All heavy atoms as atom14 arrays in JSON, in Angstrom:
{
  "sequence": "PLRAGMILSNEPGYYKGGDYGIRIENLVLTVAQDIPGAEGDYLGF",
  "atom14_mask": [
    [1, 1, 1, 1, 1, 1, 1, 0, 0, 0, 0, 0, 0, 0],
    [1, 1, 1, 1, 1, 1, 1, 1, 0, 0, 0, 0, 0, 0],
    [1, 1, 1, 1, 1, 1, 1, 1, 1, 1, 1, 0, 0, 0],
    [1, 1, 1, 1, 1, 0, 0, 0, 0, 0, 0, 0, 0, 0],
    [1, 1, 1, 1, 0, 0, 0, 0, 0, 0, 0, 0, 0, 0],
    [1, 1, 1, 1, 1, 1, 1, 1, 0, 0, 0, 0, 0, 0],
    [1, 1, 1, 1, 1, 1, 1, 1, 0, 0, 0, 0, 0, 0],
    [1, 1, 1, 1, 1, 1, 1, 1, 0, 0, 0, 0, 0, 0],
    [1, 1, 1, 1, 1, 1, 0, 0, 0, 0, 0, 0, 0, 0],
    [1, 1, 1, 1, 1, 1, 1, 1, 0, 0, 0, 0, 0, 0],
    [1, 1, 1, 1, 1, 1, 1, 1, 1, 0, 0, 0, 0, 0],
    [1, 1, 1, 1, 1, 1, 1, 0, 0, 0, 0, 0, 0, 0],
    [1, 1, 1, 1, 0, 0, 0, 0, 0, 0, 0, 0, 0, 0],
    [1, 1, 1, 1, 1, 1, 1, 1, 1, 1, 1, 1, 0, 0],
    [1, 1, 1, 1, 1, 1, 1, 1, 1, 1, 1, 1, 0, 0],
    [1, 1, 1, 1, 1, 1, 1, 1, 1, 0, 0, 0, 0, 0],
    [1, 1, 1, 1, 0, 0, 0, 0, 0, 0, 0, 0, 0, 0],
    [1, 1, 1, 1, 0, 0, 0, 0, 0, 0, 0, 0, 0, 0],
    [1, 1, 1, 1, 1, 1, 1, 1, 0, 0, 0, 0, 0, 0],
    [1, 1, 1, 1, 1, 1, 1, 1, 1, 1, 1, 1, 0, 0],
    [1, 1, 1, 1, 0, 0, 0, 0, 0, 0, 0, 0, 0, 0],
    [1, 1, 1, 1, 1, 1, 1, 1, 0, 0, 0, 0, 0, 0],
    [1, 1, 1, 1, 1, 1, 1, 1, 1, 1, 1, 0, 0, 0],
    [1, 1, 1, 1, 1, 1, 1, 1, 0, 0, 0, 0, 0, 0],
    [1, 1, 1, 1, 1, 1, 1, 1, 1, 0, 0, 0, 0, 0],
    [1, 1, 1, 1, 1, 1, 1, 1, 0, 0, 0, 0, 0, 0],
    [1, 1, 1, 1, 1, 1, 1, 1, 0, 0, 0, 0, 0, 0],
    [1, 1, 1, 1, 1, 1, 1, 0, 0, 0, 0, 0, 0, 0],
    [1, 1, 1, 1, 1, 1, 1, 1, 0, 0, 0, 0, 0, 0],
    [1, 1, 1, 1, 1, 1, 1, 0, 0, 0, 0, 0, 0, 0],
    [1, 1, 1, 1, 1, 1, 1, 0, 0, 0, 0, 0, 0, 0],
    [1, 1, 1, 1, 1, 0, 0, 0, 0, 0, 0, 0, 0, 0],
    [1, 1, 1, 1, 1, 1, 1, 1, 1, 0, 0, 0, 0, 0],
    [1, 1, 1, 1, 1, 1, 1, 1, 0, 0, 0, 0, 0, 0],
    [1, 1, 1, 1, 1, 1, 1, 1, 0, 0, 0, 0, 0, 0],
    [1, 1, 1, 1, 1, 1, 1, 0, 0, 0, 0, 0, 0, 0],
    [1, 1, 1, 1, 0, 0, 0, 0, 0, 0, 0, 0, 0, 0],
    [1, 1, 1, 1, 1, 0, 0, 0, 0, 0, 0, 0, 0, 0],
    [1, 1, 1, 1, 1, 1, 1, 1, 1, 0, 0, 0, 0, 0],
    [1, 1, 1, 1, 0, 0, 0, 0, 0, 0, 0, 0, 0, 0],
    [1, 1, 1, 1, 1, 1, 1, 1, 0, 0, 0, 0, 0, 0],
    [1, 1, 1, 1, 1, 1, 1, 1, 1, 1, 1, 1, 0, 0],
    [1, 1, 1, 1, 1, 1, 1, 1, 0, 0, 0, 0, 0, 0],
    [1, 1, 1, 1, 0, 0, 0, 0, 0, 0, 0, 0, 0, 0],
    [1, 1, 1, 1, 1, 1, 1, 1, 1, 1, 1, 0, 0, 0]
  ],
  "atom14_positions": [
    [[112.55, 77.26, 85.26], [111.25, 77.49, 84.6], [110.12, 77.33, 85.68], [110.11, 76.5, 86.46], [111.11, 76.38, 83.59], [112.55, 75.84, 83.37], [113.23, 75.97, 84.67], [0.0, 0.0, 0.0], [0.0, 0.0, 0.0], [0.0, 0.0, 0.0], [0.0, 0.0, 0.0], [0.0, 0.0, 0.0], [0.0, 0.0, 0.0], [0.0, 0.0, 0.0]],
    [[109.23, 78.36, 85.58], [108.06, 78.25, 86.47], [107.08, 77.24, 85.96], [106.85, 77.07, 84.75], [107.39, 79.71, 86.57], [108.32, 80.79, 87.07], [107.49, 82.08, 87.18], [108.96, 80.44, 88.41], [0.0, 0.0, 0.0], [0.0, 0.0, 0.0], [0.0, 0.0, 0.0], [0.0, 0.0, 0.0], [0.0, 0.0, 0.0], [0.0, 0.0, 0.0]],
    [[106.41, 76.5, 86.89], [105.45, 75.47, 86.53], [104.16, 75.7, 87.26], [104.08, 76.23, 88.35], [106.1, 74.16, 86.98], [107.27, 73.67, 86.16], [107.96, 72.53, 86.95], [109.05, 71.87, 86.21], [110.37, 72.41, 86.33], [110.71, 73.37, 87.14], [111.41, 71.84, 85.75], [0.0, 0.0, 0.0], [0.0, 0.0, 0.0], [0.0, 0.0, 0.0]],
    [[103.05, 75.31, 86.56], [101.78, 75.38, 87.2], [101.8, 74.7, 88.53], [102.26, 73.5, 88.56], [100.68, 74.89, 86.31], [0.0, 0.0, 0.0], [0.0, 0.0, 0.0], [0.0, 0.0, 0.0], [0.0, 0.0, 0.0], [0.0, 0.0, 0.0], [0.0, 0.0, 0.0], [0.0, 0.0, 0.0], [0.0, 0.0, 0.0], [0.0, 0.0, 0.0]],
    [[101.31, 75.31, 89.53], [101.3, 74.7, 90.91], [102.45, 75.16, 91.85], [102.34, 74.93, 93.09], [0.0, 0.0, 0.0], [0.0, 0.0, 0.0], [0.0, 0.0, 0.0], [0.0, 0.0, 0.0], [0.0, 0.0, 0.0], [0.0, 0.0, 0.0], [0.0, 0.0, 0.0], [0.0, 0.0, 0.0], [0.0, 0.0, 0.0], [0.0, 0.0, 0.0]],
    [[103.35, 75.96, 91.24], [104.37, 76.54, 92.13], [103.87, 77.79, 92.82], [103.05, 78.64, 92.18], [105.51, 76.88, 91.28], [106.49, 75.77, 90.91], [107.94, 76.34, 89.93], [108.86, 74.85, 89.99], [0.0, 0.0, 0.0], [0.0, 0.0, 0.0], [0.0, 0.0, 0.0], [0.0, 0.0, 0.0], [0.0, 0.0, 0.0], [0.0, 0.0, 0.0]],
    [[104.12, 77.92, 94.11], [103.74, 79.15, 94.91], [104.97, 79.99, 95.01], [106.05, 79.49, 95.24], [103.16, 78.76, 96.3], [101.91, 78.02, 96.14], [103.03, 79.93, 97.12], [101.3, 77.49, 97.35], [0.0, 0.0, 0.0], [0.0, 0.0, 0.0], [0.0, 0.0, 0.0], [0.0, 0.0, 0.0], [0.0, 0.0, 0.0], [0.0, 0.0, 0.0]],
    [[104.76, 81.31, 94.83], [105.91, 82.31, 94.93], [105.4, 83.58, 95.68], [104.21, 83.77, 95.82], [106.42, 82.72, 93.52], [107.06, 81.66, 92.73], [106.18, 81.37, 91.53], [108.56, 82.06, 92.29], [0.0, 0.0, 0.0], [0.0, 0.0, 0.0], [0.0, 0.0, 0.0], [0.0, 0.0, 0.0], [0.0, 0.0, 0.0], [0.0, 0.0, 0.0]],
    [[106.29, 84.25, 96.23], [106.06, 85.56, 96.75], [106.19, 86.63, 95.66], [106.86, 86.44, 94.69], [106.95, 85.95, 97.97], [108.37, 86.09, 97.57], [0.0, 0.0, 0.0], [0.0, 0.0, 0.0], [0.0, 0.0, 0.0], [0.0, 0.0, 0.0], [0.0, 0.0, 0.0], [0.0, 0.0, 0.0], [0.0, 0.0, 0.0], [0.0, 0.0, 0.0]],
    [[105.43, 87.65, 95.82], [105.51, 88.87, 94.92], [105.72, 90.03, 95.81], [104.9, 90.57, 96.52], [104.17, 89.01, 94.12], [104.12, 90.32, 93.38], [105.0, 91.07, 93.32], [102.94, 90.56, 92.7], [0.0, 0.0, 0.0], [0.0, 0.0, 0.0], [0.0, 0.0, 0.0], [0.0, 0.0, 0.0], [0.0, 0.0, 0.0], [0.0, 0.0, 0.0]],
    [[107.05, 90.49, 95.88], [107.39, 91.39, 97.02], [108.5, 92.55, 96.56], [109.59, 92.47, 97.13], [107.89, 90.67, 98.28], [108.95, 89.65, 98.08], [109.37, 88.99, 99.34], [109.57, 89.72, 100.32], [109.42, 87.74, 99.46], [0.0, 0.0, 0.0], [0.0, 0.0, 0.0], [0.0, 0.0, 0.0], [0.0, 0.0, 0.0], [0.0, 0.0, 0.0]],
    [[108.08, 93.38, 95.61], [109.05, 94.41, 95.32], [109.03, 95.37, 96.57], [108.12, 95.45, 97.42], [108.43, 95.17, 94.07], [106.97, 94.73, 94.16], [106.88, 93.38, 94.69], [0.0, 0.0, 0.0], [0.0, 0.0, 0.0], [0.0, 0.0, 0.0], [0.0, 0.0, 0.0], [0.0, 0.0, 0.0], [0.0, 0.0, 0.0], [0.0, 0.0, 0.0]],
    [[110.14, 96.28, 96.53], [110.28, 97.15, 97.76], [111.09, 98.3, 97.28], [111.6, 98.43, 96.15], [0.0, 0.0, 0.0], [0.0, 0.0, 0.0], [0.0, 0.0, 0.0], [0.0, 0.0, 0.0], [0.0, 0.0, 0.0], [0.0, 0.0, 0.0], [0.0, 0.0, 0.0], [0.0, 0.0, 0.0], [0.0, 0.0, 0.0], [0.0, 0.0, 0.0]],
    [[111.25, 99.25, 98.27], [112.11, 100.45, 98.12], [112.72, 100.72, 99.49], [111.83, 100.77, 100.44], [111.44, 101.69, 97.45], [112.3, 102.85, 97.6], [113.38, 103.07, 96.78], [111.97, 103.92, 98.53], [114.2, 104.16, 96.9], [112.85, 104.95, 98.64], [113.94, 105.12, 97.82], [114.78, 106.22, 97.92], [0.0, 0.0, 0.0], [0.0, 0.0, 0.0]],
    [[113.98, 101.05, 99.62], [114.61, 101.36, 100.93], [115.46, 102.55, 100.85], [116.37, 102.69, 100.05], [115.36, 100.12, 101.36], [114.62, 98.91, 101.24], [114.59, 98.11, 100.1], [113.59, 98.52, 102.22], [113.75, 97.02, 99.96], [112.78, 97.39, 102.1], [112.89, 96.65, 100.99], [112.03, 95.57, 100.83], [0.0, 0.0, 0.0], [0.0, 0.0, 0.0]],
    [[115.18, 103.55, 101.64], [115.92, 104.77, 101.75], [116.76, 104.71, 103.09], [116.14, 104.89, 104.2], [115.09, 106.0, 101.73], [115.88, 107.2, 101.65], [115.01, 108.53, 101.31], [115.84, 109.85, 101.29], [114.94, 110.98, 101.0], [0.0, 0.0, 0.0], [0.0, 0.0, 0.0], [0.0, 0.0, 0.0], [0.0, 0.0, 0.0], [0.0, 0.0, 0.0]],
    [[117.97, 104.44, 103.01], [118.77, 104.08, 104.18], [118.71, 105.22, 105.25], [118.77, 106.42, 104.97], [0.0, 0.0, 0.0], [0.0, 0.0, 0.0], [0.0, 0.0, 0.0], [0.0, 0.0, 0.0], [0.0, 0.0, 0.0], [0.0, 0.0, 0.0], [0.0, 0.0, 0.0], [0.0, 0.0, 0.0], [0.0, 0.0, 0.0], [0.0, 0.0, 0.0]],
    [[118.44, 104.76, 106.52], [118.42, 105.62, 107.66], [117.0, 106.42, 107.66], [116.86, 107.35, 108.58], [0.0, 0.0, 0.0], [0.0, 0.0, 0.0], [0.0, 0.0, 0.0], [0.0, 0.0, 0.0], [0.0, 0.0, 0.0], [0.0, 0.0, 0.0], [0.0, 0.0, 0.0], [0.0, 0.0, 0.0], [0.0, 0.0, 0.0], [0.0, 0.0, 0.0]],
    [[116.12, 106.16, 106.84], [114.85, 107.04, 106.74], [113.58, 106.1, 106.83], [112.89, 106.14, 107.75], [114.89, 107.88, 105.54], [113.89, 109.03, 105.56], [113.02, 108.98, 106.4], [113.97, 109.92, 104.71], [0.0, 0.0, 0.0], [0.0, 0.0, 0.0], [0.0, 0.0, 0.0], [0.0, 0.0, 0.0], [0.0, 0.0, 0.0], [0.0, 0.0, 0.0]],
    [[113.4, 105.43, 105.8], [112.17, 104.55, 105.7], [112.35, 103.5, 104.66], [113.28, 103.42, 103.89], [110.97, 105.42, 105.42], [110.92, 105.96, 103.97], [110.32, 105.27, 102.89], [111.6, 107.21, 103.72], [110.3, 105.82, 101.62], [111.56, 107.68, 102.39], [110.95, 107.03, 101.37], [111.01, 107.56, 100.07], [0.0, 0.0, 0.0], [0.0, 0.0, 0.0]],
    [[111.44, 102.47, 104.73], [111.4, 101.41, 103.74], [109.95, 101.07, 103.35], [109.02, 101.29, 104.15], [0.0, 0.0, 0.0], [0.0, 0.0, 0.0], [0.0, 0.0, 0.0], [0.0, 0.0, 0.0], [0.0, 0.0, 0.0], [0.0, 0.0, 0.0], [0.0, 0.0, 0.0], [0.0, 0.0, 0.0], [0.0, 0.0, 0.0], [0.0, 0.0, 0.0]],
    [[109.84, 100.42, 102.08], [108.49, 100.09, 101.73], [108.61, 98.69, 100.99], [109.53, 98.38, 100.31], [108.03, 101.08, 100.62], [107.66, 102.48, 101.21], [106.81, 100.52, 99.84], [107.66, 103.54, 100.19], [0.0, 0.0, 0.0], [0.0, 0.0, 0.0], [0.0, 0.0, 0.0], [0.0, 0.0, 0.0], [0.0, 0.0, 0.0], [0.0, 0.0, 0.0]],
    [[107.69, 97.82, 101.35], [107.53, 96.56, 100.61], [106.1, 96.14, 100.71], [105.43, 96.32, 101.65], [108.42, 95.42, 101.35], [108.47, 94.18, 100.64], [109.68, 93.31, 100.98], [109.68, 92.91, 102.34], [110.53, 93.22, 103.39], [111.36, 94.21, 102.97], [110.54, 92.8, 104.54], [0.0, 0.0, 0.0], [0.0, 0.0, 0.0], [0.0, 0.0, 0.0]],
    [[105.62, 95.54, 99.47], [104.2, 95.02, 99.38], [104.39, 93.61, 99.02], [104.93, 93.27, 97.93], [103.35, 95.83, 98.46], [103.29, 97.35, 98.8], [102.01, 95.17, 98.35], [102.75, 98.17, 97.76], [0.0, 0.0, 0.0], [0.0, 0.0, 0.0], [0.0, 0.0, 0.0], [0.0, 0.0, 0.0], [0.0, 0.0, 0.0], [0.0, 0.0, 0.0]],
    [[103.93, 92.64, 99.86], [104.1, 91.24, 99.53], [102.8, 90.46, 99.6], [102.11, 90.42, 100.72], [105.13, 90.59, 100.49], [105.4, 89.13, 100.26], [106.31, 88.56, 101.25], [106.48, 89.09, 102.33], [106.74, 87.33, 100.97], [0.0, 0.0, 0.0], [0.0, 0.0, 0.0], [0.0, 0.0, 0.0], [0.0, 0.0, 0.0], [0.0, 0.0, 0.0]],
    [[102.37, 89.71, 98.53], [101.43, 88.74, 98.58], [102.09, 87.43, 98.03], [103.06, 87.46, 97.36], [100.24, 89.14, 97.6], [99.43, 90.2, 98.19], [99.38, 90.4, 99.39], [98.74, 90.87, 97.23], [0.0, 0.0, 0.0], [0.0, 0.0, 0.0], [0.0, 0.0, 0.0], [0.0, 0.0, 0.0], [0.0, 0.0, 0.0], [0.0, 0.0, 0.0]],
    [[101.46, 86.34, 98.37], [101.83, 85.07, 97.7], [100.95, 84.87, 96.52], [99.69, 85.19, 96.57], [101.71, 83.91, 98.69], [102.66, 83.95, 99.96], [102.57, 82.68, 100.71], [104.07, 84.41, 99.59], [0.0, 0.0, 0.0], [0.0, 0.0, 0.0], [0.0, 0.0, 0.0], [0.0, 0.0, 0.0], [0.0, 0.0, 0.0], [0.0, 0.0, 0.0]],
    [[101.5, 84.2, 95.5], [100.81, 83.94, 94.3], [100.97, 82.46, 93.81], [102.01, 81.85, 94.23], [101.2, 84.8, 93.06], [100.87, 86.26, 93.43], [102.73, 84.68, 92.73], [0.0, 0.0, 0.0], [0.0, 0.0, 0.0], [0.0, 0.0, 0.0], [0.0, 0.0, 0.0], [0.0, 0.0, 0.0], [0.0, 0.0, 0.0], [0.0, 0.0, 0.0]],
    [[99.99, 81.78, 93.2], [100.08, 80.51, 92.72], [100.18, 80.56, 91.17], [99.38, 81.26, 90.5], [98.76, 79.77, 93.05], [98.57, 78.33, 92.48], [99.63, 77.42, 93.02], [97.14, 77.86, 92.77], [0.0, 0.0, 0.0], [0.0, 0.0, 0.0], [0.0, 0.0, 0.0], [0.0, 0.0, 0.0], [0.0, 0.0, 0.0], [0.0, 0.0, 0.0]],
    [[101.18, 79.82, 90.67], [101.3, 79.78, 89.2], [100.21, 78.86, 88.59], [100.08, 77.77, 89.09], [102.7, 79.21, 88.89], [103.73, 79.89, 89.56], [103.07, 79.42, 87.37], [0.0, 0.0, 0.0], [0.0, 0.0, 0.0], [0.0, 0.0, 0.0], [0.0, 0.0, 0.0], [0.0, 0.0, 0.0], [0.0, 0.0, 0.0], [0.0, 0.0, 0.0]],
    [[99.56, 79.31, 87.6], [98.38, 78.67, 87.02], [98.37, 78.77, 85.49], [98.99, 79.7, 84.86], [97.02, 79.22, 87.66], [96.9, 78.98, 89.05], [96.84, 80.72, 87.23], [0.0, 0.0, 0.0], [0.0, 0.0, 0.0], [0.0, 0.0, 0.0], [0.0, 0.0, 0.0], [0.0, 0.0, 0.0], [0.0, 0.0, 0.0], [0.0, 0.0, 0.0]],
    [[97.85, 77.75, 84.84], [97.63, 77.82, 83.49], [96.71, 78.89, 82.99], [95.74, 79.18, 83.69], [97.1, 76.48, 82.93], [0.0, 0.0, 0.0], [0.0, 0.0, 0.0], [0.0, 0.0, 0.0], [0.0, 0.0, 0.0], [0.0, 0.0, 0.0], [0.0, 0.0, 0.0], [0.0, 0.0, 0.0], [0.0, 0.0, 0.0], [0.0, 0.0, 0.0]],
    [[96.95, 79.54, 81.87], [96.13, 80.68, 81.32], [95.39, 80.24, 80.09], [95.99, 79.66, 79.25], [96.9, 81.96, 81.08], [97.65, 82.5, 82.23], [96.67, 83.2, 83.12], [95.96, 84.14, 82.79], [96.56, 82.77, 84.45], [0.0, 0.0, 0.0], [0.0, 0.0, 0.0], [0.0, 0.0, 0.0], [0.0, 0.0, 0.0], [0.0, 0.0, 0.0]],
    [[94.1, 80.48, 80.08], [93.41, 80.24, 78.82], [93.22, 81.56, 77.99], [92.41, 82.38, 78.28], [91.88, 79.73, 79.21], [91.12, 79.36, 78.03], [91.8, 79.23, 76.97], [89.89, 79.19, 78.19], [0.0, 0.0, 0.0], [0.0, 0.0, 0.0], [0.0, 0.0, 0.0], [0.0, 0.0, 0.0], [0.0, 0.0, 0.0], [0.0, 0.0, 0.0]],
    [[94.17, 81.62, 77.08], [94.18, 82.91, 76.24], [93.63, 82.55, 74.79], [94.34, 81.74, 74.1], [95.62, 83.38, 76.13], [96.16, 83.7, 77.53], [95.66, 84.76, 75.23], [97.63, 84.15, 77.52], [0.0, 0.0, 0.0], [0.0, 0.0, 0.0], [0.0, 0.0, 0.0], [0.0, 0.0, 0.0], [0.0, 0.0, 0.0], [0.0, 0.0, 0.0]],
    [[92.51, 83.1, 74.4], [92.07, 82.71, 73.06], [93.11, 83.05, 72.02], [93.71, 84.12, 71.96], [90.82, 83.67, 72.91], [90.38, 84.0, 74.24], [91.65, 84.03, 75.08], [0.0, 0.0, 0.0], [0.0, 0.0, 0.0], [0.0, 0.0, 0.0], [0.0, 0.0, 0.0], [0.0, 0.0, 0.0], [0.0, 0.0, 0.0], [0.0, 0.0, 0.0]],
    [[93.3, 82.11, 71.14], [94.26, 82.27, 69.98], [95.73, 82.21, 70.46], [96.7, 82.48, 69.66], [0.0, 0.0, 0.0], [0.0, 0.0, 0.0], [0.0, 0.0, 0.0], [0.0, 0.0, 0.0], [0.0, 0.0, 0.0], [0.0, 0.0, 0.0], [0.0, 0.0, 0.0], [0.0, 0.0, 0.0], [0.0, 0.0, 0.0], [0.0, 0.0, 0.0]],
    [[96.01, 81.84, 71.7], [97.43, 81.73, 72.14], [98.12, 80.74, 71.34], [97.58, 79.54, 71.01], [97.45, 81.38, 73.6], [0.0, 0.0, 0.0], [0.0, 0.0, 0.0], [0.0, 0.0, 0.0], [0.0, 0.0, 0.0], [0.0, 0.0, 0.0], [0.0, 0.0, 0.0], [0.0, 0.0, 0.0], [0.0, 0.0, 0.0], [0.0, 0.0, 0.0]],
    [[99.32, 81.05, 71.0], [100.27, 80.02, 70.23], [101.16, 79.31, 71.2], [102.22, 79.82, 71.63], [100.98, 80.84, 69.18], [100.06, 81.45, 68.1], [100.85, 82.35, 67.13], [102.11, 82.44, 67.26], [100.2, 82.82, 66.2], [0.0, 0.0, 0.0], [0.0, 0.0, 0.0], [0.0, 0.0, 0.0], [0.0, 0.0, 0.0], [0.0, 0.0, 0.0]],
    [[100.61, 78.21, 71.83], [101.46, 77.57, 72.9], [100.81, 77.67, 74.23], [99.77, 78.39, 74.29], [0.0, 0.0, 0.0], [0.0, 0.0, 0.0], [0.0, 0.0, 0.0], [0.0, 0.0, 0.0], [0.0, 0.0, 0.0], [0.0, 0.0, 0.0], [0.0, 0.0, 0.0], [0.0, 0.0, 0.0], [0.0, 0.0, 0.0], [0.0, 0.0, 0.0]],
    [[101.33, 77.08, 75.16], [100.79, 77.07, 76.52], [101.31, 78.38, 77.27], [102.49, 78.72, 77.25], [101.2, 75.87, 77.29], [100.62, 74.7, 76.8], [99.5, 74.77, 76.12], [101.26, 73.55, 76.72], [0.0, 0.0, 0.0], [0.0, 0.0, 0.0], [0.0, 0.0, 0.0], [0.0, 0.0, 0.0], [0.0, 0.0, 0.0], [0.0, 0.0, 0.0]],
    [[100.47, 78.99, 78.0], [100.8, 80.2, 78.78], [100.4, 80.03, 80.24], [99.56, 79.22, 80.68], [100.05, 81.46, 78.24], [100.89, 82.04, 77.15], [101.07, 81.46, 75.89], [101.5, 83.31, 77.29], [101.78, 82.01, 74.83], [102.28, 83.87, 76.29], [102.41, 83.27, 75.05], [103.13, 83.71, 74.04], [0.0, 0.0, 0.0], [0.0, 0.0, 0.0]],
    [[101.18, 80.75, 81.11], [100.99, 80.69, 82.55], [100.71, 82.12, 83.07], [101.03, 83.12, 82.4], [102.27, 80.11, 83.25], [102.61, 78.67, 82.87], [103.91, 78.34, 83.65], [101.49, 77.61, 83.35], [0.0, 0.0, 0.0], [0.0, 0.0, 0.0], [0.0, 0.0, 0.0], [0.0, 0.0, 0.0], [0.0, 0.0, 0.0], [0.0, 0.0, 0.0]],
    [[100.28, 82.17, 84.28], [100.11, 83.42, 84.99], [99.91, 83.21, 86.44], [100.31, 82.11, 86.93], [0.0, 0.0, 0.0], [0.0, 0.0, 0.0], [0.0, 0.0, 0.0], [0.0, 0.0, 0.0], [0.0, 0.0, 0.0], [0.0, 0.0, 0.0], [0.0, 0.0, 0.0], [0.0, 0.0, 0.0], [0.0, 0.0, 0.0], [0.0, 0.0, 0.0]],
    [[99.55, 84.19, 87.24], [99.54, 83.92, 88.66], [98.08, 84.31, 89.17], [97.4, 85.21, 88.69], [100.47, 85.01, 89.32], [101.92, 84.82, 89.03], [102.68, 85.83, 88.42], [102.51, 83.64, 89.23], [104.01, 85.62, 88.15], [103.88, 83.41, 88.99], [104.64, 84.39, 88.45], [0.0, 0.0, 0.0], [0.0, 0.0, 0.0], [0.0, 0.0, 0.0]]
  ]
}
């Protein structure tokens, strides 16, 4: 389970063997979300 305070990378990619590759990576911090009317606790980045 992800917890508020955890840091993760966000790095999807695509790779075409022998030709080229793509990746976009940032780091994100897991944080509590204030969602009006939310039923229970929610998280986001």
